[in-house]
Protein backbone atom coordinates (compact mmCIF):
# COMPACT_ATOMS: atom_id res chain seq x y z
CA MET A 1 83.88 147.10 90.44
CA LEU A 2 82.04 145.04 87.93
CA ILE A 3 82.78 145.02 84.39
CA TYR A 4 79.88 144.16 82.01
CA ARG A 5 79.92 142.88 78.47
CA THR A 6 78.35 145.06 76.14
CA ASN A 7 77.05 144.82 72.84
CA LEU A 8 79.41 147.27 70.70
CA ALA A 9 77.59 146.90 67.51
CA ALA A 10 73.95 147.90 69.21
CA ARG A 11 75.69 151.28 70.63
CA GLY A 12 77.22 151.98 67.02
CA GLU A 13 80.86 151.77 68.35
CA PRO A 14 83.72 150.04 66.61
CA LYS A 15 85.20 146.82 67.62
CA PRO A 16 88.18 147.29 69.84
CA TYR A 17 90.12 145.06 67.79
CA SER A 18 90.31 145.65 63.91
CA PRO A 19 92.67 143.69 61.83
CA SER A 20 95.64 145.43 60.37
CA ILE A 21 95.72 146.42 56.75
CA ASP A 22 98.73 146.06 54.57
CA MET A 23 99.76 148.68 52.16
CA ASP A 24 97.80 146.86 49.24
CA ASP A 25 94.69 147.38 51.09
CA LEU A 26 94.28 143.61 51.77
CA PRO A 27 93.43 142.37 55.40
CA THR A 28 95.99 140.20 56.79
CA VAL A 29 95.00 136.46 57.37
CA TYR A 30 95.74 135.09 60.76
CA ILE A 31 96.04 131.35 60.81
CA ARG A 32 95.72 129.63 63.93
CA PRO A 33 98.71 127.05 64.67
CA LEU A 34 97.58 123.57 64.83
CA ARG A 35 97.06 121.80 68.06
CA VAL A 36 99.87 119.58 69.11
CA SER A 37 98.51 116.68 70.72
CA ALA A 38 100.17 114.20 73.19
CA LYS A 39 101.25 111.06 71.63
CA ARG A 40 99.41 108.24 72.98
CA LYS A 41 101.54 105.20 74.24
CA ARG A 42 100.91 102.01 72.73
CA ARG A 43 100.72 98.77 74.59
CA GLY A 44 104.02 97.11 74.76
CA THR A 45 104.35 93.16 74.10
CA THR A 46 104.49 92.63 77.91
CA SER A 47 100.95 93.98 78.43
CA PRO A 48 98.33 91.50 79.68
CA VAL A 49 95.97 91.72 76.70
CA GLY A 50 95.39 87.74 76.39
CA LEU A 51 95.67 87.14 80.24
CA THR A 52 92.12 87.43 81.12
CA ARG A 53 89.73 84.94 82.49
CA ALA A 54 86.53 84.40 84.16
CA ALA A 55 86.49 84.28 87.86
CA PRO A 56 83.76 81.93 89.04
CA ASP A 57 85.76 80.10 91.32
CA LEU A 58 85.95 83.15 93.57
CA LEU A 59 82.41 83.75 93.82
CA ALA A 60 81.85 80.95 96.48
CA ARG A 61 84.66 82.66 98.56
CA ILE A 62 82.92 85.98 98.10
CA ASP A 63 79.62 84.50 99.03
CA ARG A 64 80.98 83.13 102.26
CA LEU A 65 82.53 86.28 103.31
CA VAL A 66 79.31 88.24 102.56
CA LEU A 67 77.60 85.97 104.86
CA SER A 68 80.19 85.85 107.60
CA HIS A 69 81.36 89.27 107.82
CA ALA A 70 77.97 91.07 106.93
CA LEU A 71 79.73 92.85 103.86
CA SER A 72 77.81 93.58 100.59
CA ASP A 73 79.33 93.02 97.22
CA THR A 74 79.96 96.67 96.70
CA ALA A 75 81.88 96.71 100.04
CA ILE A 76 84.29 93.88 98.75
CA GLY A 77 84.88 95.55 95.49
CA CYS A 78 85.48 98.89 96.90
CA ALA A 79 87.94 97.61 99.54
CA ALA A 80 89.82 95.01 97.22
CA LEU A 81 89.74 96.76 93.99
CA ASN A 82 88.61 100.45 94.15
CA ASP A 83 85.76 99.30 91.98
CA PRO A 84 82.31 99.00 93.56
CA ASN A 85 80.95 97.19 90.63
CA ALA A 86 83.63 94.72 90.36
CA VAL A 87 81.92 91.85 92.04
CA LEU A 88 78.66 92.37 90.38
CA ALA A 89 80.53 92.38 87.11
CA ILE A 90 82.18 89.02 88.06
CA ARG A 91 78.99 87.45 88.85
CA ASP A 92 77.71 88.54 85.37
CA GLY A 93 80.82 86.74 83.70
CA ARG A 94 83.41 89.54 83.52
CA CYS A 95 86.86 88.47 82.95
CA ILE A 96 89.27 89.91 85.03
CA ARG A 97 93.24 90.23 84.62
CA ASP A 98 95.58 88.01 86.60
CA ALA A 99 96.83 91.00 88.60
CA THR A 100 93.29 92.08 89.42
CA ARG A 101 92.45 88.53 90.59
CA ALA A 102 95.70 88.64 92.73
CA ARG A 103 94.38 91.66 94.38
CA LEU A 104 91.06 90.23 95.05
CA VAL A 105 92.61 86.97 96.33
CA GLN A 106 94.85 88.87 98.80
CA TYR A 107 92.14 90.76 100.13
CA LEU A 108 89.97 87.74 100.57
CA ASP A 109 92.71 85.91 102.28
CA LYS A 110 93.20 88.87 104.54
CA LEU A 111 89.48 88.83 105.39
CA GLU A 112 89.64 84.90 106.24
CA GLY A 113 92.56 85.55 108.23
CA ARG A 114 95.10 83.45 106.13
CA GLY A 115 97.56 86.48 105.39
């Protein structure tokens, strides 16, 4: 059975909810409690904030693998970093963290048969 929303005011019926009235004939005020938001974690002192650098040295290796394995930049980015735009961003001068560089180098080594 379907239940449809109805416009009670148009039919002249009272609202199903009416605020309670105190003894002094003043309506009770309902105050919604404040939302408690989750506390954001701040970066610790060991976070890699300043450890980013450009990776133009990796582009020559990526270009060789693109030609030899018939892969696209998007395919390498997806397979190595789960980011299809990573190689294109590196070509545009994006700075990457050392951990990201290590993952990319590990994947390139695997494709070249070194690792």
